[in-house]
Amino acid sequence: MWTCTALDADTNLIASWMVGGRDAIAAHEFMKDLAGRLANRVQLTTDGHNAYLSAVENNFGSDIDYAMLIKIYGAGRDTEARYSPAECIGCERKEIVGKPDAKHVSTSYVERQNLTMRMHMRRFTRLTNGFSKKIENHVAAISLHFMYYNFVRIHQTLRITPAMAAGVTDRAWEIADIVRLLEDQKPAKDRDARPEWKLGSASLR
């Protein structure tokens, strides 16, 4: 399974994300979701995944400035470092649609965000007991991470949250605000109910 993320380089807001396969169907659904969240024409850079070509065309048409950044890798590493990526020895920029500004054809911001995601969650760390065993739990953990990243965590460079920088909210949220969103989605009978725990002869509510 792969985690696709779309990040705004100006505000560092995660505009869209998806966990799915590395195939045309997943690419289409990802770009469809992203296109539905944008209010104006943007410049988009993706990696060299070929499935993005038709996915962007089908969901954005010509109303986008789109380029690909294709990285060129050297020979694979030996077995001692089999979980490490091969060395990047160069990259190629390709204009696909519109007139993307070459100065902004980059995936550096989203790659740095991927590092942040991995450091905040151990579910991506292989050969550890924190690695996700169930896809449902994996998706739930990523959902919480991106809510926290967008609305709660103060970005070190921006000095505000990405959601504030993007004008989505006017304040930094707290964890309690995220919990409140979950509580508001529950039926009223479930919100009012409290679990009852029985310990020996004592009853706690």
N, C-alpha and C. Protein backbone atom coordinates (compact mmCIF):
# COMPACT_ATOMS: atom_id res chain seq x y z
N MET A 1 0.83 -1.19 0.00
CA MET A 1 0.00 0.00 0.00
C MET A 1 0.88 1.25 0.00
N TRP A 2 0.38 2.29 -0.67
CA TRP A 2 1.10 3.55 -0.78
C TRP A 2 0.27 4.67 -0.18
N THR A 3 0.95 5.68 0.35
CA THR A 3 0.28 6.87 0.85
C THR A 3 0.59 8.04 -0.08
N CYS A 4 -0.43 8.51 -0.78
CA CYS A 4 -0.28 9.66 -1.69
C CYS A 4 -0.65 10.93 -0.94
N THR A 5 0.14 11.97 -1.09
CA THR A 5 -0.13 13.23 -0.42
C THR A 5 0.02 14.39 -1.40
N ALA A 6 -0.86 15.38 -1.25
CA ALA A 6 -0.79 16.61 -2.05
C ALA A 6 -0.59 17.76 -1.09
N LEU A 7 0.53 18.47 -1.22
CA LEU A 7 0.89 19.54 -0.29
C LEU A 7 1.01 20.86 -1.03
N ASP A 8 0.47 21.92 -0.42
CA ASP A 8 0.62 23.27 -0.97
C ASP A 8 1.95 23.84 -0.50
N ALA A 9 2.83 24.16 -1.43
CA ALA A 9 4.18 24.60 -1.08
C ALA A 9 4.19 25.94 -0.35
N ASP A 10 3.16 26.77 -0.54
CA ASP A 10 3.13 28.09 0.10
C ASP A 10 2.70 28.01 1.56
N THR A 11 1.72 27.18 1.85
CA THR A 11 1.16 27.11 3.21
C THR A 11 1.51 25.83 3.93
N ASN A 12 2.07 24.85 3.22
CA ASN A 12 2.38 23.53 3.75
C ASN A 12 1.13 22.75 4.18
N LEU A 13 -0.02 23.17 3.68
CA LEU A 13 -1.26 22.45 3.97
C LEU A 13 -1.34 21.16 3.17
N ILE A 14 -1.70 20.08 3.82
CA ILE A 14 -2.01 18.84 3.11
C ILE A 14 -3.42 18.98 2.56
N ALA A 15 -3.54 19.21 1.26
CA ALA A 15 -4.84 19.44 0.64
C ALA A 15 -5.60 18.15 0.41
N SER A 16 -4.88 17.05 0.19
CA SER A 16 -5.52 15.76 -0.06
C SER A 16 -4.52 14.66 0.21
N TRP A 17 -5.03 13.49 0.59
CA TRP A 17 -4.18 12.33 0.77
C TRP A 17 -5.01 11.07 0.56
N MET A 18 -4.35 9.98 0.27
CA MET A 18 -5.05 8.73 0.05
C MET A 18 -4.11 7.55 0.25
N VAL A 19 -4.62 6.50 0.84
CA VAL A 19 -3.89 5.25 0.97
C VAL A 19 -4.48 4.27 -0.04
N GLY A 20 -3.64 3.74 -0.91
CA GLY A 20 -4.14 2.83 -1.94
C GLY A 20 -3.00 2.21 -2.72
N GLY A 21 -3.35 1.59 -3.82
CA GLY A 21 -2.35 0.95 -4.66
C GLY A 21 -1.61 1.94 -5.52
N ARG A 22 -0.57 1.47 -6.15
CA ARG A 22 0.23 2.30 -7.06
C ARG A 22 -0.24 2.00 -8.48
N ASP A 23 -1.52 2.31 -8.74
CA ASP A 23 -2.11 1.95 -10.03
C ASP A 23 -2.97 3.10 -10.55
N ALA A 24 -3.53 2.90 -11.75
CA ALA A 24 -4.29 3.96 -12.41
C ALA A 24 -5.56 4.31 -11.66
N ILE A 25 -6.22 3.32 -11.06
CA ILE A 25 -7.47 3.58 -10.33
C ILE A 25 -7.21 4.47 -9.12
N ALA A 26 -6.18 4.12 -8.36
CA ALA A 26 -5.84 4.92 -7.18
C ALA A 26 -5.43 6.34 -7.57
N ALA A 27 -4.64 6.46 -8.64
CA ALA A 27 -4.20 7.78 -9.10
C ALA A 27 -5.39 8.63 -9.51
N HIS A 28 -6.37 8.02 -10.19
CA HIS A 28 -7.56 8.76 -10.62
C HIS A 28 -8.36 9.24 -9.41
N GLU A 29 -8.58 8.37 -8.43
CA GLU A 29 -9.35 8.76 -7.25
C GLU A 29 -8.63 9.85 -6.45
N PHE A 30 -7.32 9.75 -6.39
CA PHE A 30 -6.53 10.75 -5.67
C PHE A 30 -6.65 12.12 -6.34
N MET A 31 -6.48 12.17 -7.65
CA MET A 31 -6.57 13.43 -8.37
C MET A 31 -8.00 13.98 -8.40
N LYS A 32 -8.96 13.09 -8.42
CA LYS A 32 -10.36 13.52 -8.37
C LYS A 32 -10.65 14.22 -7.06
N ASP A 33 -10.17 13.66 -5.97
CA ASP A 33 -10.37 14.27 -4.66
C ASP A 33 -9.65 15.61 -4.57
N LEU A 34 -8.40 15.66 -5.07
CA LEU A 34 -7.64 16.90 -5.03
C LEU A 34 -8.32 17.99 -5.85
N ALA A 35 -8.75 17.67 -7.06
CA ALA A 35 -9.39 18.66 -7.92
C ALA A 35 -10.65 19.22 -7.27
N GLY A 36 -11.37 18.39 -6.54
CA GLY A 36 -12.60 18.85 -5.89
C GLY A 36 -12.36 19.76 -4.72
N ARG A 37 -11.14 19.84 -4.23
CA ARG A 37 -10.83 20.68 -3.07
C ARG A 37 -10.17 22.00 -3.44
N LEU A 38 -9.89 22.21 -4.71
CA LEU A 38 -9.20 23.43 -5.14
C LEU A 38 -10.18 24.41 -5.76
N ALA A 39 -10.00 25.70 -5.43
CA ALA A 39 -10.93 26.73 -5.90
C ALA A 39 -10.38 27.49 -7.10
N ASN A 40 -9.13 27.30 -7.45
CA ASN A 40 -8.54 28.06 -8.54
C ASN A 40 -7.47 27.23 -9.25
N ARG A 41 -7.00 27.74 -10.35
CA ARG A 41 -5.95 27.06 -11.13
C ARG A 41 -4.66 27.02 -10.32
N VAL A 42 -3.97 25.90 -10.37
CA VAL A 42 -2.73 25.74 -9.60
C VAL A 42 -1.64 25.18 -10.51
N GLN A 43 -0.42 25.26 -10.00
CA GLN A 43 0.68 24.54 -10.63
C GLN A 43 0.91 23.26 -9.84
N LEU A 44 1.02 22.16 -10.55
CA LEU A 44 1.14 20.85 -9.92
C LEU A 44 2.42 20.16 -10.40
N THR A 45 3.14 19.57 -9.44
CA THR A 45 4.29 18.73 -9.77
C THR A 45 4.08 17.36 -9.16
N THR A 46 4.24 16.32 -9.96
CA THR A 46 4.20 14.96 -9.44
C THR A 46 5.51 14.27 -9.73
N ASP A 47 5.67 13.09 -9.13
CA ASP A 47 6.82 12.27 -9.49
C ASP A 47 6.56 11.63 -10.85
N GLY A 48 7.39 10.72 -11.26
CA GLY A 48 7.29 10.15 -12.60
C GLY A 48 6.32 9.00 -12.76
N HIS A 49 5.42 8.82 -11.81
CA HIS A 49 4.44 7.74 -11.89
C HIS A 49 3.52 7.97 -13.10
N ASN A 50 3.58 7.08 -14.08
CA ASN A 50 2.86 7.29 -15.33
C ASN A 50 1.35 7.38 -15.17
N ALA A 51 0.80 6.75 -14.15
CA ALA A 51 -0.65 6.77 -13.95
C ALA A 51 -1.17 8.18 -13.68
N TYR A 52 -0.29 9.08 -13.22
CA TYR A 52 -0.72 10.45 -12.96
C TYR A 52 -1.05 11.20 -14.26
N LEU A 53 -0.46 10.79 -15.36
CA LEU A 53 -0.68 11.50 -16.63
C LEU A 53 -2.16 11.51 -17.00
N SER A 54 -2.77 10.37 -17.06
CA SER A 54 -4.20 10.30 -17.40
C SER A 54 -5.07 10.78 -16.26
N ALA A 55 -4.63 10.56 -15.02
CA ALA A 55 -5.42 10.98 -13.86
C ALA A 55 -5.56 12.50 -13.82
N VAL A 56 -4.46 13.21 -14.07
CA VAL A 56 -4.51 14.68 -14.09
C VAL A 56 -5.35 15.17 -15.26
N GLU A 57 -5.16 14.57 -16.42
CA GLU A 57 -5.92 14.98 -17.60
C GLU A 57 -7.42 14.78 -17.40
N ASN A 58 -7.80 13.66 -16.83
CA ASN A 58 -9.22 13.35 -16.65
C ASN A 58 -9.89 14.24 -15.62
N ASN A 59 -9.15 14.71 -14.63
CA ASN A 59 -9.76 15.46 -13.54
C ASN A 59 -9.52 16.97 -13.61
N PHE A 60 -8.47 17.40 -14.28
CA PHE A 60 -8.18 18.82 -14.40
C PHE A 60 -8.35 19.34 -15.82
N GLY A 61 -8.25 18.47 -16.79
CA GLY A 61 -8.29 18.91 -18.18
C GLY A 61 -7.11 19.80 -18.49
N SER A 62 -7.40 20.95 -19.11
CA SER A 62 -6.34 21.91 -19.42
C SER A 62 -6.25 23.04 -18.38
N ASP A 63 -7.07 22.96 -17.35
CA ASP A 63 -7.13 24.02 -16.34
C ASP A 63 -6.09 23.78 -15.24
N ILE A 64 -4.84 23.61 -15.64
CA ILE A 64 -3.78 23.36 -14.68
C ILE A 64 -2.43 23.57 -15.38
N ASP A 65 -1.43 23.92 -14.58
CA ASP A 65 -0.05 23.98 -15.08
C ASP A 65 0.68 22.81 -14.43
N TYR A 66 0.95 21.80 -15.22
CA TYR A 66 1.39 20.51 -14.67
C TYR A 66 2.73 20.09 -15.24
N ALA A 67 3.61 19.67 -14.34
CA ALA A 67 4.92 19.15 -14.74
C ALA A 67 5.25 17.91 -13.93
N MET A 68 6.08 17.08 -14.49
CA MET A 68 6.58 15.88 -13.81
C MET A 68 8.05 16.07 -13.47
N LEU A 69 8.44 15.61 -12.31
CA LEU A 69 9.84 15.57 -11.92
C LEU A 69 10.23 14.10 -11.83
N ILE A 70 11.01 13.66 -12.79
CA ILE A 70 11.37 12.25 -12.88
C ILE A 70 12.80 12.07 -12.35
N LYS A 71 12.92 11.33 -11.27
CA LYS A 71 14.23 11.10 -10.68
C LYS A 71 14.90 9.89 -11.33
N ILE A 72 16.21 10.00 -11.50
CA ILE A 72 17.00 8.93 -12.11
C ILE A 72 17.86 8.32 -11.00
N TYR A 73 17.71 7.02 -10.82
CA TYR A 73 18.40 6.34 -9.73
C TYR A 73 19.52 5.46 -10.27
N GLY A 74 20.55 5.32 -9.44
CA GLY A 74 21.66 4.46 -9.79
C GLY A 74 21.35 3.01 -9.49
N ALA A 75 22.37 2.19 -9.45
CA ALA A 75 22.20 0.77 -9.18
C ALA A 75 21.65 0.57 -7.78
N GLY A 76 20.90 -0.52 -7.59
CA GLY A 76 20.33 -0.82 -6.29
C GLY A 76 21.40 -1.09 -5.25
N ARG A 77 21.02 -0.87 -3.98
CA ARG A 77 21.97 -1.11 -2.91
C ARG A 77 22.08 -2.62 -2.63
N ASP A 78 23.09 -2.99 -1.87
CA ASP A 78 23.25 -4.41 -1.53
C ASP A 78 22.22 -4.81 -0.49
N THR A 79 22.23 -6.07 -0.12
CA THR A 79 21.20 -6.59 0.78
C THR A 79 21.27 -6.00 2.17
N GLU A 80 22.41 -5.47 2.57
CA GLU A 80 22.52 -4.88 3.90
C GLU A 80 21.67 -3.62 4.02
N ALA A 81 21.37 -2.99 2.89
CA ALA A 81 20.58 -1.75 2.92
C ALA A 81 19.36 -1.88 2.02
N ARG A 82 18.73 -3.04 2.03
CA ARG A 82 17.65 -3.31 1.08
C ARG A 82 16.42 -2.46 1.32
N TYR A 83 16.29 -1.87 2.53
CA TYR A 83 15.15 -1.02 2.81
C TYR A 83 15.45 0.45 2.55
N SER A 84 16.65 0.75 2.10
CA SER A 84 17.01 2.13 1.77
C SER A 84 16.86 2.35 0.27
N PRO A 85 16.47 3.56 -0.14
CA PRO A 85 16.31 3.82 -1.58
C PRO A 85 17.64 3.85 -2.29
N ALA A 86 17.60 3.57 -3.58
CA ALA A 86 18.82 3.67 -4.39
C ALA A 86 19.25 5.13 -4.47
N GLU A 87 20.50 5.36 -4.81
CA GLU A 87 21.03 6.72 -4.88
C GLU A 87 20.45 7.46 -6.09
N CYS A 88 19.97 8.66 -5.85
CA CYS A 88 19.46 9.50 -6.94
C CYS A 88 20.64 10.19 -7.61
N ILE A 89 20.80 9.95 -8.91
CA ILE A 89 21.96 10.49 -9.61
C ILE A 89 21.58 11.62 -10.58
N GLY A 90 20.30 11.97 -10.60
CA GLY A 90 19.86 13.06 -11.46
C GLY A 90 18.35 13.12 -11.54
N CYS A 91 17.84 14.15 -12.21
CA CYS A 91 16.39 14.27 -12.37
C CYS A 91 16.09 14.99 -13.69
N GLU A 92 14.88 14.72 -14.18
CA GLU A 92 14.44 15.30 -15.44
C GLU A 92 13.09 15.98 -15.24
N ARG A 93 12.96 17.22 -15.69
CA ARG A 93 11.70 17.95 -15.58
C ARG A 93 10.97 17.93 -16.92
N LYS A 94 9.69 17.56 -16.89
CA LYS A 94 8.89 17.49 -18.10
C LYS A 94 7.63 18.33 -17.95
N GLU A 95 7.44 19.28 -18.87
CA GLU A 95 6.19 20.03 -18.91
C GLU A 95 5.12 19.15 -19.55
N ILE A 96 3.98 19.02 -18.88
CA ILE A 96 2.92 18.15 -19.38
C ILE A 96 1.74 18.96 -19.89
N VAL A 97 1.24 19.88 -19.08
CA VAL A 97 0.08 20.69 -19.44
C VAL A 97 0.32 22.14 -19.02
N GLY A 98 -0.15 23.07 -19.82
CA GLY A 98 -0.06 24.48 -19.45
C GLY A 98 1.36 25.01 -19.50
N LYS A 99 1.63 25.99 -18.63
CA LYS A 99 2.94 26.63 -18.58
C LYS A 99 3.47 26.64 -17.15
N PRO A 100 3.89 25.50 -16.64
CA PRO A 100 4.43 25.47 -15.28
C PRO A 100 5.74 26.24 -15.19
N ASP A 101 5.88 27.01 -14.11
CA ASP A 101 7.10 27.76 -13.87
C ASP A 101 8.21 26.80 -13.47
N ALA A 102 9.28 26.76 -14.23
CA ALA A 102 10.36 25.81 -13.98
C ALA A 102 10.97 25.97 -12.58
N LYS A 103 10.93 27.21 -12.05
CA LYS A 103 11.49 27.45 -10.71
C LYS A 103 10.72 26.70 -9.63
N HIS A 104 9.47 26.39 -9.89
CA HIS A 104 8.63 25.74 -8.88
C HIS A 104 8.33 24.28 -9.19
N VAL A 105 9.00 23.73 -10.17
CA VAL A 105 8.83 22.30 -10.47
C VAL A 105 9.70 21.54 -9.48
N SER A 106 9.10 21.08 -8.41
CA SER A 106 9.85 20.46 -7.32
C SER A 106 8.93 19.56 -6.50
N THR A 107 9.51 18.50 -5.96
CA THR A 107 8.79 17.65 -5.01
C THR A 107 9.45 17.69 -3.64
N SER A 108 10.34 18.65 -3.42
CA SER A 108 11.11 18.71 -2.17
C SER A 108 10.22 18.91 -0.95
N TYR A 109 9.21 19.79 -1.08
CA TYR A 109 8.36 20.07 0.08
C TYR A 109 7.57 18.83 0.50
N VAL A 110 7.00 18.14 -0.47
CA VAL A 110 6.19 16.98 -0.11
C VAL A 110 7.08 15.83 0.36
N GLU A 111 8.29 15.74 -0.14
CA GLU A 111 9.21 14.72 0.34
C GLU A 111 9.62 15.00 1.77
N ARG A 112 9.80 16.27 2.11
CA ARG A 112 10.11 16.62 3.50
C ARG A 112 8.92 16.33 4.40
N GLN A 113 7.72 16.54 3.88
CA GLN A 113 6.53 16.22 4.66
C GLN A 113 6.41 14.73 4.89
N ASN A 114 6.82 13.94 3.89
CA ASN A 114 6.79 12.49 4.07
C ASN A 114 7.71 12.06 5.21
N LEU A 115 8.84 12.75 5.35
CA LEU A 115 9.73 12.47 6.48
C LEU A 115 9.05 12.82 7.80
N THR A 116 8.37 13.97 7.83
CA THR A 116 7.63 14.36 9.03
C THR A 116 6.60 13.31 9.40
N MET A 117 5.88 12.81 8.40
CA MET A 117 4.87 11.79 8.63
C MET A 117 5.49 10.53 9.23
N ARG A 118 6.63 10.12 8.69
CA ARG A 118 7.28 8.91 9.19
C ARG A 118 7.85 9.09 10.59
N MET A 119 8.30 10.29 10.90
CA MET A 119 8.85 10.55 12.23
C MET A 119 7.76 10.69 13.27
N HIS A 120 6.58 11.16 12.87
CA HIS A 120 5.47 11.31 13.81
C HIS A 120 4.76 10.00 14.07
N MET A 121 4.83 9.07 13.12
CA MET A 121 4.16 7.78 13.26
C MET A 121 5.16 6.67 12.99
N ARG A 122 5.18 5.69 13.85
CA ARG A 122 6.09 4.56 13.65
C ARG A 122 5.43 3.46 12.81
N ARG A 123 4.24 3.73 12.30
CA ARG A 123 3.53 2.72 11.53
C ARG A 123 4.18 2.45 10.17
N PHE A 124 5.08 3.32 9.75
CA PHE A 124 5.78 3.12 8.49
C PHE A 124 7.15 2.46 8.68
N THR A 125 7.52 2.21 9.92
CA THR A 125 8.85 1.69 10.21
C THR A 125 8.84 0.17 10.16
N ARG A 126 9.49 -0.40 9.16
CA ARG A 126 9.52 -1.84 9.00
C ARG A 126 10.29 -2.52 10.13
N LEU A 127 9.97 -3.78 10.35
CA LEU A 127 10.68 -4.62 11.31
C LEU A 127 10.57 -4.09 12.74
N THR A 128 9.47 -3.41 13.06
CA THR A 128 9.21 -2.95 14.43
C THR A 128 7.79 -3.33 14.80
N ASN A 129 7.49 -3.30 16.10
CA ASN A 129 6.13 -3.63 16.53
C ASN A 129 5.16 -2.47 16.33
N GLY A 130 5.67 -1.33 15.84
CA GLY A 130 4.78 -0.21 15.53
C GLY A 130 4.25 -0.25 14.11
N PHE A 131 4.80 -1.13 13.28
CA PHE A 131 4.39 -1.24 11.87
C PHE A 131 2.95 -1.72 11.80
N SER A 132 2.13 -1.07 10.95
CA SER A 132 0.70 -1.39 10.87
C SER A 132 0.48 -2.82 10.38
N LYS A 133 -0.41 -3.52 11.06
CA LYS A 133 -0.80 -4.87 10.66
C LYS A 133 -2.13 -4.87 9.94
N LYS A 134 -2.98 -3.89 10.23
CA LYS A 134 -4.30 -3.81 9.60
C LYS A 134 -4.41 -2.50 8.85
N ILE A 135 -4.93 -2.55 7.63
CA ILE A 135 -5.05 -1.35 6.81
C ILE A 135 -6.00 -0.34 7.44
N GLU A 136 -7.06 -0.84 8.12
CA GLU A 136 -8.01 0.08 8.75
C GLU A 136 -7.33 0.92 9.83
N ASN A 137 -6.50 0.28 10.65
CA ASN A 137 -5.79 1.01 11.70
C ASN A 137 -4.76 1.97 11.10
N HIS A 138 -4.15 1.55 10.02
CA HIS A 138 -3.16 2.38 9.34
C HIS A 138 -3.80 3.67 8.82
N VAL A 139 -4.94 3.52 8.16
CA VAL A 139 -5.65 4.69 7.62
C VAL A 139 -6.12 5.60 8.74
N ALA A 140 -6.63 5.02 9.82
CA ALA A 140 -7.10 5.84 10.95
C ALA A 140 -5.96 6.64 11.56
N ALA A 141 -4.78 6.02 11.69
CA ALA A 141 -3.63 6.72 12.26
C ALA A 141 -3.19 7.87 11.36
N ILE A 142 -3.21 7.65 10.04
CA ILE A 142 -2.82 8.69 9.11
C ILE A 142 -3.83 9.83 9.14
N SER A 143 -5.11 9.51 9.27
CA SER A 143 -6.15 10.54 9.36
C SER A 143 -5.90 11.46 10.54
N LEU A 144 -5.61 10.86 11.68
CA LEU A 144 -5.35 11.67 12.88
C LEU A 144 -4.08 12.51 12.70
N HIS A 145 -3.07 11.91 12.07
CA HIS A 145 -1.82 12.66 11.86
C HIS A 145 -2.05 13.91 11.02
N PHE A 146 -2.78 13.78 9.91
CA PHE A 146 -2.95 14.92 9.03
C PHE A 146 -3.87 15.98 9.63
N MET A 147 -4.85 15.57 10.43
CA MET A 147 -5.66 16.56 11.15
C MET A 147 -4.77 17.36 12.11
N TYR A 148 -3.92 16.63 12.83
CA TYR A 148 -2.99 17.29 13.75
C TYR A 148 -2.02 18.18 12.99
N TYR A 149 -1.47 17.67 11.90
CA TYR A 149 -0.48 18.41 11.11
C TYR A 149 -1.08 19.70 10.53
N ASN A 150 -2.29 19.62 10.00
CA ASN A 150 -2.91 20.78 9.36
C ASN A 150 -3.43 21.81 10.35
N PHE A 151 -4.02 21.36 11.46
CA PHE A 151 -4.79 22.26 12.32
C PHE A 151 -4.18 22.52 13.69
N VAL A 152 -3.34 21.63 14.20
CA VAL A 152 -2.84 21.77 15.58
C VAL A 152 -1.37 22.16 15.63
N ARG A 153 -0.55 21.49 14.87
CA ARG A 153 0.91 21.68 14.95
C ARG A 153 1.32 23.01 14.35
N ILE A 154 2.06 23.79 15.12
CA ILE A 154 2.60 25.06 14.64
C ILE A 154 3.80 24.79 13.76
N HIS A 155 3.72 25.25 12.51
CA HIS A 155 4.84 25.03 11.58
C HIS A 155 6.01 25.92 11.99
N GLN A 156 7.20 25.35 12.03
CA GLN A 156 8.37 26.08 12.54
C GLN A 156 8.71 27.30 11.70
N THR A 157 8.52 27.23 10.40
CA THR A 157 8.85 28.36 9.53
C THR A 157 7.71 29.37 9.48
N LEU A 158 6.49 28.89 9.35
CA LEU A 158 5.33 29.77 9.22
C LEU A 158 4.95 30.43 10.54
N ARG A 159 5.23 29.76 11.65
CA ARG A 159 4.86 30.22 13.00
C ARG A 159 3.36 30.16 13.24
N ILE A 160 2.64 29.55 12.35
CA ILE A 160 1.21 29.29 12.50
C ILE A 160 0.95 27.90 11.93
N THR A 161 -0.27 27.42 12.04
CA THR A 161 -0.59 26.11 11.47
C THR A 161 -0.80 26.25 9.96
N PRO A 162 -0.61 25.20 9.19
CA PRO A 162 -0.88 25.26 7.76
C PRO A 162 -2.32 25.67 7.45
N ALA A 163 -3.27 25.21 8.25
CA ALA A 163 -4.68 25.57 8.03
C ALA A 163 -4.90 27.06 8.20
N MET A 164 -4.21 27.68 9.15
CA MET A 164 -4.29 29.12 9.34
C MET A 164 -3.66 29.85 8.16
N ALA A 165 -2.52 29.35 7.70
CA ALA A 165 -1.84 29.98 6.57
C ALA A 165 -2.69 29.93 5.31
N ALA A 166 -3.48 28.87 5.16
CA ALA A 166 -4.33 28.71 3.99
C ALA A 166 -5.68 29.41 4.14
N GLY A 167 -5.95 29.99 5.31
CA GLY A 167 -7.21 30.68 5.53
C GLY A 167 -8.38 29.76 5.81
N VAL A 168 -8.09 28.50 6.15
CA VAL A 168 -9.15 27.54 6.45
C VAL A 168 -9.73 27.78 7.84
N THR A 169 -8.89 28.25 8.76
CA THR A 169 -9.32 28.56 10.12
C THR A 169 -8.54 29.78 10.60
N ASP A 170 -9.04 30.42 11.65
CA ASP A 170 -8.38 31.63 12.15
C ASP A 170 -7.65 31.41 13.46
N ARG A 171 -7.52 30.16 13.88
CA ARG A 171 -6.83 29.88 15.15
C ARG A 171 -6.20 28.50 15.10
N ALA A 172 -5.26 28.30 16.00
CA ALA A 172 -4.66 26.97 16.14
C ALA A 172 -5.59 26.09 16.96
N TRP A 173 -5.88 24.93 16.44
CA TRP A 173 -6.77 24.02 17.14
C TRP A 173 -6.02 23.32 18.27
N GLU A 174 -6.79 22.67 19.15
CA GLU A 174 -6.26 21.81 20.18
C GLU A 174 -6.73 20.38 19.91
N ILE A 175 -6.11 19.43 20.57
CA ILE A 175 -6.52 18.03 20.41
C ILE A 175 -8.00 17.86 20.75
N ALA A 176 -8.46 18.61 21.74
CA ALA A 176 -9.86 18.52 22.16
C ALA A 176 -10.81 18.89 21.02
N ASP A 177 -10.39 19.79 20.14
CA ASP A 177 -11.24 20.17 19.00
C ASP A 177 -11.41 18.99 18.03
N ILE A 178 -10.35 18.22 17.85
CA ILE A 178 -10.44 17.05 16.97
C ILE A 178 -11.35 15.99 17.60
N VAL A 179 -11.19 15.79 18.91
CA VAL A 179 -12.05 14.82 19.60
C VAL A 179 -13.50 15.24 19.52
N ARG A 180 -13.74 16.56 19.61
CA ARG A 180 -15.11 17.06 19.55
C ARG A 180 -15.74 16.77 18.18
N LEU A 181 -14.96 16.85 17.13
CA LEU A 181 -15.47 16.51 15.80
C LEU A 181 -15.95 15.06 15.75
N LEU A 182 -15.18 14.18 16.36
CA LEU A 182 -15.56 12.77 16.38
C LEU A 182 -16.82 12.57 17.21
N GLU A 183 -16.89 13.25 18.35
CA GLU A 183 -18.06 13.11 19.21
C GLU A 183 -19.32 13.63 18.51
N ASP A 184 -19.18 14.70 17.75
CA ASP A 184 -20.34 15.27 17.07
C ASP A 184 -20.89 14.35 15.99
N GLN A 185 -20.08 13.44 15.49
CA GLN A 185 -20.52 12.52 14.44
C GLN A 185 -21.27 11.32 15.01
N LYS A 186 -21.17 11.11 16.32
CA LYS A 186 -21.86 9.98 16.93
C LYS A 186 -23.35 10.27 17.08
N PRO A 187 -24.20 9.25 17.01
CA PRO A 187 -25.62 9.44 17.32
C PRO A 187 -25.78 9.93 18.75
N ALA A 188 -26.84 10.66 19.01
CA ALA A 188 -27.06 11.25 20.33
C ALA A 188 -27.06 10.20 21.43
N LYS A 189 -27.65 9.03 21.18
CA LYS A 189 -27.72 7.99 22.21
C LYS A 189 -26.33 7.49 22.59
N ASP A 190 -25.42 7.47 21.60
CA ASP A 190 -24.05 7.02 21.87
C ASP A 190 -23.24 8.09 22.59
N ARG A 191 -23.54 9.37 22.30
CA ARG A 191 -22.80 10.45 22.98
C ARG A 191 -23.15 10.51 24.45
N ASP A 192 -24.43 10.25 24.77
CA ASP A 192 -24.87 10.36 26.16
C ASP A 192 -24.53 9.14 26.98
N ALA A 193 -24.32 8.01 26.31
CA ALA A 193 -24.06 6.77 27.05
C ALA A 193 -22.64 6.77 27.60
N ARG A 194 -22.51 6.29 28.82
CA ARG A 194 -21.20 6.13 29.43
C ARG A 194 -20.95 4.66 29.71
N PRO A 195 -19.77 4.15 29.46
CA PRO A 195 -19.51 2.73 29.72
C PRO A 195 -19.52 2.43 31.22
N GLU A 196 -20.01 1.29 31.57
CA GLU A 196 -20.06 0.87 32.97
C GLU A 196 -19.03 -0.24 33.18
N TRP A 197 -18.18 -0.05 34.16
CA TRP A 197 -17.13 -1.01 34.45
C TRP A 197 -17.38 -1.62 35.83
N LYS A 198 -17.34 -2.92 35.93
CA LYS A 198 -17.56 -3.62 37.20
C LYS A 198 -16.28 -4.28 37.64
N LEU A 199 -15.85 -3.91 38.84
CA LEU A 199 -14.63 -4.46 39.42
C LEU A 199 -14.99 -5.13 40.73
N GLY A 200 -15.06 -6.44 40.73
CA GLY A 200 -15.46 -7.14 41.96
C GLY A 200 -16.86 -6.74 42.36
N SER A 201 -17.01 -6.23 43.55
CA SER A 201 -18.32 -5.80 44.06
C SER A 201 -18.57 -4.32 43.79
N ALA A 202 -17.54 -3.63 43.26
CA ALA A 202 -17.69 -2.20 43.01
C ALA A 202 -18.19 -1.98 41.59
N SER A 203 -18.94 -0.93 41.41
CA SER A 203 -19.46 -0.58 40.09
C SER A 203 -19.08 0.87 39.81
N LEU A 204 -18.36 1.08 38.70
CA LEU A 204 -17.91 2.42 38.35
C LEU A 204 -18.59 2.86 37.08
N ARG A 205 -18.94 4.13 37.00
CA ARG A 205 -19.57 4.66 35.80
C ARG A 205 -18.84 5.91 35.37
